[in-house]
Amino acid sequence: MKQLNIFLSMMITLCACAQNNKTVTSQHPSSSQLKNYSIATFAAGCFWHEEALFESVKA
């Protein structure tokens, strides 16, 4: 049983390390595309903590 656990652990580790590393290109919208948006929606765990952060943002 111990050998099976070691074997499975090694296989999982090898599979996790064998993932394909793709280069991610920037997908940020341009400033002209941002002009089409009028609402920003943010999601976070605790509203009260996030509200305190956004009170310091000028906008």
PDB file of N, CA and C in Angstrom:
ATOM      1  N   MET A   1       0.835  -1.204   0.000  1.00  0.00           N
ATOM      2  CA  MET A   1       0.000   0.000   0.000  1.00  0.00           C
ATOM      3  C   MET A   1       0.870   1.254   0.000  1.00  0.00           C
ATOM      4  N   LYS A   2       1.967   1.205   0.766  1.00  0.00           N
ATOM      5  CA  LYS A   2       2.860   2.355   0.829  1.00  0.00           C
ATOM      6  C   LYS A   2       3.476   2.618  -0.547  1.00  0.00           C
ATOM      7  N   GLN A   3       3.817   1.560  -1.275  1.00  0.00           N
ATOM      8  CA  GLN A   3       4.402   1.712  -2.603  1.00  0.00           C
ATOM      9  C   GLN A   3       3.389   2.318  -3.574  1.00  0.00           C
ATOM     10  N   LEU A   4       2.134   1.927  -3.438  1.00  0.00           N
ATOM     11  CA  LEU A   4       1.084   2.483  -4.292  1.00  0.00           C
ATOM     12  C   LEU A   4       0.916   3.977  -4.033  1.00  0.00           C
ATOM     13  N   ASN A   5       0.940   4.375  -2.769  1.00  0.00           N
ATOM     14  CA  ASN A   5       0.820   5.796  -2.424  1.00  0.00           C
ATOM     15  C   ASN A   5       1.996   6.598  -2.988  1.00  0.00           C
ATOM     16  N   ILE A   6       3.192   6.044  -2.891  1.00  0.00           N
ATOM     17  CA  ILE A   6       4.371   6.722  -3.428  1.00  0.00           C
ATOM     18  C   ILE A   6       4.251   6.833  -4.942  1.00  0.00           C
ATOM     19  N   PHE A   7       3.835   5.763  -5.595  1.00  0.00           N
ATOM     20  CA  PHE A   7       3.684   5.773  -7.040  1.00  0.00           C
ATOM     21  C   PHE A   7       2.647   6.804  -7.479  1.00  0.00           C
ATOM     22  N   LEU A   8       1.502   6.836  -6.826  1.00  0.00           N
ATOM     23  CA  LEU A   8       0.455   7.790  -7.182  1.00  0.00           C
ATOM     24  C   LEU A   8       0.906   9.225  -6.934  1.00  0.00           C
ATOM     25  N   SER A   9       1.626   9.442  -5.855  1.00  0.00           N
ATOM     26  CA  SER A   9       2.141  10.782  -5.566  1.00  0.00           C
ATOM     27  C   SER A   9       3.112  11.236  -6.644  1.00  0.00           C
ATOM     28  N   MET A  10       3.961  10.340  -7.084  1.00  0.00           N
ATOM     29  CA  MET A  10       4.923  10.668  -8.135  1.00  0.00           C
ATOM     30  C   MET A  10       4.213  10.958  -9.453  1.00  0.00           C
ATOM     31  N   MET A  11       3.196  10.175  -9.787  1.00  0.00           N
ATOM     32  CA  MET A  11       2.467  10.380 -11.035  1.00  0.00           C
ATOM     33  C   MET A  11       1.729  11.718 -11.031  1.00  0.00           C
ATOM     34  N   ILE A  12       1.116  12.047  -9.907  1.00  0.00           N
ATOM     35  CA  ILE A  12       0.406  13.323  -9.800  1.00  0.00           C
ATOM     36  C   ILE A  12       1.391  14.482  -9.937  1.00  0.00           C
ATOM     37  N   THR A  13       2.550  14.358  -9.295  1.00  0.00           N
ATOM     38  CA  THR A  13       3.566  15.406  -9.382  1.00  0.00           C
ATOM     39  C   THR A  13       4.063  15.565 -10.806  1.00  0.00           C
ATOM     40  N   LEU A  14       4.321  14.455 -11.491  1.00  0.00           N
ATOM     41  CA  LEU A  14       4.796  14.515 -12.867  1.00  0.00           C
ATOM     42  C   LEU A  14       3.747  15.114 -13.802  1.00  0.00           C
ATOM     43  N   CYS A  15       2.507  14.767 -13.595  1.00  0.00           N
ATOM     44  CA  CYS A  15       1.439  15.322 -14.439  1.00  0.00           C
ATOM     45  C   CYS A  15       1.279  16.823 -14.201  1.00  0.00           C
ATOM     46  N   ALA A  16       1.409  17.248 -12.976  1.00  0.00           N
ATOM     47  CA  ALA A  16       1.275  18.666 -12.663  1.00  0.00           C
ATOM     48  C   ALA A  16       2.437  19.469 -13.244  1.00  0.00           C
ATOM     49  N   CYS A  17       3.619  18.874 -13.263  1.00  0.00           N
ATOM     50  CA  CYS A  17       4.798  19.576 -13.795  1.00  0.00           C
ATOM     51  C   CYS A  17       4.831  19.570 -15.316  1.00  0.00           C
ATOM     52  N   ALA A  18       4.073  18.713 -15.946  1.00  0.00           N
ATOM     53  CA  ALA A  18       4.112  18.581 -17.398  1.00  0.00           C
ATOM     54  C   ALA A  18       3.117  19.490 -18.106  1.00  0.00           C
ATOM     55  N   GLN A  19       2.553  20.446 -17.394  1.00  0.00           N
ATOM     56  CA  GLN A  19       1.575  21.338 -18.012  1.00  0.00           C
ATOM     57  C   GLN A  19       2.257  22.228 -19.032  1.00  0.00           C
ATOM     58  N   ASN A  20       1.522  22.573 -20.050  1.00  0.00           N
ATOM     59  CA  ASN A  20       2.033  23.403 -21.127  1.00  0.00           C
ATOM     60  C   ASN A  20       2.046  24.860 -20.675  1.00  0.00           C
ATOM     61  N   ASN A  21       3.208  25.496 -20.762  1.00  0.00           N
ATOM     62  CA  ASN A  21       3.329  26.906 -20.385  1.00  0.00           C
ATOM     63  C   ASN A  21       3.139  27.754 -21.623  1.00  0.00           C
ATOM     64  N   LYS A  22       1.948  28.302 -21.793  1.00  0.00           N
ATOM     65  CA  LYS A  22       1.646  29.150 -22.938  1.00  0.00           C
ATOM     66  C   LYS A  22       1.926  30.601 -22.587  1.00  0.00           C
ATOM     67  N   THR A  23       2.387  31.342 -23.547  1.00  0.00           N
ATOM     68  CA  THR A  23       2.607  32.759 -23.355  1.00  0.00           C
ATOM     69  C   THR A  23       1.264  33.476 -23.439  1.00  0.00           C
ATOM     70  N   VAL A  24       0.977  34.249 -22.429  1.00  0.00           N
ATOM     71  CA  VAL A  24      -0.285  34.977 -22.373  1.00  0.00           C
ATOM     72  C   VAL A  24      -0.058  36.366 -22.940  1.00  0.00           C
ATOM     73  N   THR A  25      -0.854  36.712 -23.915  1.00  0.00           N
ATOM     74  CA  THR A  25      -0.757  38.051 -24.486  1.00  0.00           C
ATOM     75  C   THR A  25      -1.673  38.988 -23.718  1.00  0.00           C
ATOM     76  N   SER A  26      -1.353  40.232 -23.740  1.00  0.00           N
ATOM     77  CA  SER A  26      -2.147  41.233 -23.039  1.00  0.00           C
ATOM     78  C   SER A  26      -3.528  41.343 -23.682  1.00  0.00           C
ATOM     79  N   GLN A  27      -4.561  41.288 -22.870  1.00  0.00           N
ATOM     80  CA  GLN A  27      -5.919  41.401 -23.374  1.00  0.00           C
ATOM     81  C   GLN A  27      -6.617  42.611 -22.777  1.00  0.00           C
ATOM     82  N   HIS A  28      -5.823  43.610 -22.383  1.00  0.00           N
ATOM     83  CA  HIS A  28      -6.408  44.815 -21.825  1.00  0.00           C
ATOM     84  C   HIS A  28      -7.032  45.644 -22.944  1.00  0.00           C
ATOM     85  N   PRO A  29      -8.203  46.194 -22.690  1.00  0.00           N
ATOM     86  CA  PRO A  29      -8.843  47.019 -23.727  1.00  0.00           C
ATOM     87  C   PRO A  29      -8.085  48.332 -23.916  1.00  0.00           C
ATOM     88  N   SER A  30      -8.166  48.869 -25.100  1.00  0.00           N
ATOM     89  CA  SER A  30      -7.527  50.153 -25.385  1.00  0.00           C
ATOM     90  C   SER A  30      -8.361  51.278 -24.773  1.00  0.00           C
ATOM     91  N   SER A  31      -7.788  52.464 -24.724  1.00  0.00           N
ATOM     92  CA  SER A  31      -8.504  53.590 -24.131  1.00  0.00           C
ATOM     93  C   SER A  31      -9.761  53.946 -24.929  1.00  0.00           C
ATOM     94  N   SER A  32      -9.720  53.726 -26.243  1.00  0.00           N
ATOM     95  CA  SER A  32     -10.924  54.007 -27.039  1.00  0.00           C
ATOM     96  C   SER A  32     -12.031  52.999 -26.737  1.00  0.00           C
ATOM     97  N   GLN A  33     -11.656  51.759 -26.431  1.00  0.00           N
ATOM     98  CA  GLN A  33     -12.666  50.760 -26.062  1.00  0.00           C
ATOM     99  C   GLN A  33     -13.228  51.034 -24.672  1.00  0.00           C
ATOM    100  N   LEU A  34     -12.407  51.579 -23.782  1.00  0.00           N
ATOM    101  CA  LEU A  34     -12.872  51.865 -22.423  1.00  0.00           C
ATOM    102  C   LEU A  34     -13.907  52.975 -22.391  1.00  0.00           C
ATOM    103  N   LYS A  35     -13.918  53.828 -23.392  1.00  0.00           N
ATOM    104  CA  LYS A  35     -14.899  54.915 -23.436  1.00  0.00           C
ATOM    105  C   LYS A  35     -16.321  54.383 -23.608  1.00  0.00           C
ATOM    106  N   ASN A  36     -16.464  53.149 -24.047  1.00  0.00           N
ATOM    107  CA  ASN A  36     -17.786  52.550 -24.236  1.00  0.00           C
ATOM    108  C   ASN A  36     -18.412  52.078 -22.920  1.00  0.00           C
ATOM    109  N   TYR A  37     -17.609  52.016 -21.846  1.00  0.00           N
ATOM    110  CA  TYR A  37     -18.099  51.527 -20.564  1.00  0.00           C
ATOM    111  C   TYR A  37     -18.482  52.686 -19.662  1.00  0.00           C
ATOM    112  N   SER A  38     -19.549  52.504 -18.885  1.00  0.00           N
ATOM    113  CA  SER A  38     -19.956  53.549 -17.953  1.00  0.00           C
ATOM    114  C   SER A  38     -20.113  53.027 -16.529  1.00  0.00           C
ATOM    115  N   ILE A  39     -20.096  51.707 -16.343  1.00  0.00           N
ATOM    116  CA  ILE A  39     -20.287  51.114 -15.016  1.00  0.00           C
ATOM    117  C   ILE A  39     -19.169  50.119 -14.756  1.00  0.00           C
ATOM    118  N   ALA A  40     -18.632  50.145 -13.552  1.00  0.00           N
ATOM    119  CA  ALA A  40     -17.637  49.164 -13.125  1.00  0.00           C
ATOM    120  C   ALA A  40     -18.226  48.375 -11.965  1.00  0.00           C
ATOM    121  N   THR A  41     -18.122  47.075 -12.020  1.00  0.00           N
ATOM    122  CA  THR A  41     -18.648  46.221 -10.964  1.00  0.00           C
ATOM    123  C   THR A  41     -17.486  45.476 -10.318  1.00  0.00           C
ATOM    124  N   PHE A  42     -17.378  45.561  -8.994  1.00  0.00           N
ATOM    125  CA  PHE A  42     -16.313  44.904  -8.253  1.00  0.00           C
ATOM    126  C   PHE A  42     -16.930  43.901  -7.295  1.00  0.00           C
ATOM    127  N   ALA A  43     -16.282  42.773  -7.145  1.00  0.00           N
ATOM    128  CA  ALA A  43     -16.749  41.751  -6.209  1.00  0.00           C
ATOM    129  C   ALA A  43     -15.629  41.441  -5.227  1.00  0.00           C
ATOM    130  N   ALA A  44     -15.978  41.376  -3.961  1.00  0.00           N
ATOM    131  CA  ALA A  44     -14.985  41.078  -2.927  1.00  0.00           C
ATOM    132  C   ALA A  44     -15.683  40.388  -1.764  1.00  0.00           C
ATOM    133  N   GLY A  45     -14.897  39.917  -0.828  1.00  0.00           N
ATOM    134  CA  GLY A  45     -15.450  39.159   0.290  1.00  0.00           C
ATOM    135  C   GLY A  45     -16.243  39.989   1.266  1.00  0.00           C
ATOM    136  N   CYS A  46     -15.709  41.119   1.672  1.00  0.00           N
ATOM    137  CA  CYS A  46     -16.365  41.937   2.694  1.00  0.00           C
ATOM    138  C   CYS A  46     -16.576  43.344   2.165  1.00  0.00           C
ATOM    139  N   PHE A  47     -17.809  43.755   2.051  1.00  0.00           N
ATOM    140  CA  PHE A  47     -18.130  45.069   1.486  1.00  0.00           C
ATOM    141  C   PHE A  47     -17.495  46.196   2.285  1.00  0.00           C
ATOM    142  N   TRP A  48     -17.521  46.113   3.600  1.00  0.00           N
ATOM    143  CA  TRP A  48     -17.067  47.228   4.431  1.00  0.00           C
ATOM    144  C   TRP A  48     -15.575  47.476   4.265  1.00  0.00           C
ATOM    145  N   HIS A  49     -14.803  46.438   4.120  1.00  0.00           N
ATOM    146  CA  HIS A  49     -13.369  46.636   3.911  1.00  0.00           C
ATOM    147  C   HIS A  49     -13.093  47.211   2.523  1.00  0.00           C
ATOM    148  N   GLU A  50     -13.821  46.770   1.537  1.00  0.00           N
ATOM    149  CA  GLU A  50     -13.635  47.273   0.178  1.00  0.00           C
ATOM    150  C   GLU A  50     -14.102  48.718   0.059  1.00  0.00           C
ATOM    151  N   GLU A  51     -15.162  49.059   0.747  1.00  0.00           N
ATOM    152  CA  GLU A  51     -15.657  50.434   0.707  1.00  0.00           C
ATOM    153  C   GLU A  51     -14.589  51.393   1.222  1.00  0.00           C
ATOM    154  N   ALA A  52     -13.880  51.013   2.257  1.00  0.00           N
ATOM    155  CA  ALA A  52     -12.838  51.869   2.805  1.00  0.00           C
ATOM    156  C   ALA A  52     -11.720  52.089   1.795  1.00  0.00           C
ATOM    157  N   LEU A  53     -11.396  51.091   1.001  1.00  0.00           N
ATOM    158  CA  LEU A  53     -10.370  51.244  -0.033  1.00  0.00           C
ATOM    159  C   LEU A  53     -10.814  52.200  -1.112  1.00  0.00           C
ATOM    160  N   PHE A  54     -12.041  52.089  -1.549  1.00  0.00           N
ATOM    161  CA  PHE A  54     -12.531  52.914  -2.657  1.00  0.00           C
ATOM    162  C   PHE A  54     -12.839  54.341  -2.247  1.00  0.00           C
ATOM    163  N   GLU A  55     -12.953  54.622  -0.967  1.00  0.00           N
ATOM    164  CA  GLU A  55     -13.166  55.993  -0.536  1.00  0.00           C
ATOM    165  C   GLU A  55     -11.958  56.881  -0.845  1.00  0.00           C
ATOM    166  N   SER A  56     -10.781  56.278  -0.973  1.00  0.00           N
ATOM    167  CA  SER A  56      -9.582  57.059  -1.266  1.00  0.00           C
ATOM    168  C   SER A  56      -9.340  57.226  -2.773  1.00  0.00           C
ATOM    169  N   VAL A  57     -10.157  56.596  -3.615  1.00  0.00           N
ATOM    170  CA  VAL A  57      -9.989  56.689  -5.055  1.00  0.00           C
ATOM    171  C   VAL A  57     -10.685  57.935  -5.569  1.00  0.00           C
ATOM    172  N   LYS A  58      -9.960  58.707  -6.382  1.00  0.00           N
ATOM    173  CA  LYS A  58     -10.552  59.906  -6.965  1.00  0.00           C
ATOM    174  C   LYS A  58     -11.226  59.519  -8.268  1.00  0.00           C
ATOM    175  N   ALA A  59     -12.520  59.651  -8.328  1.00  0.00           N
ATOM    176  CA  ALA A  59     -13.273  59.391  -9.569  1.00  0.00           C
ATOM    177  C   ALA A  59     -14.749  59.549  -9.324  1.00  0.00           C
TER     178      ALA A  59
END
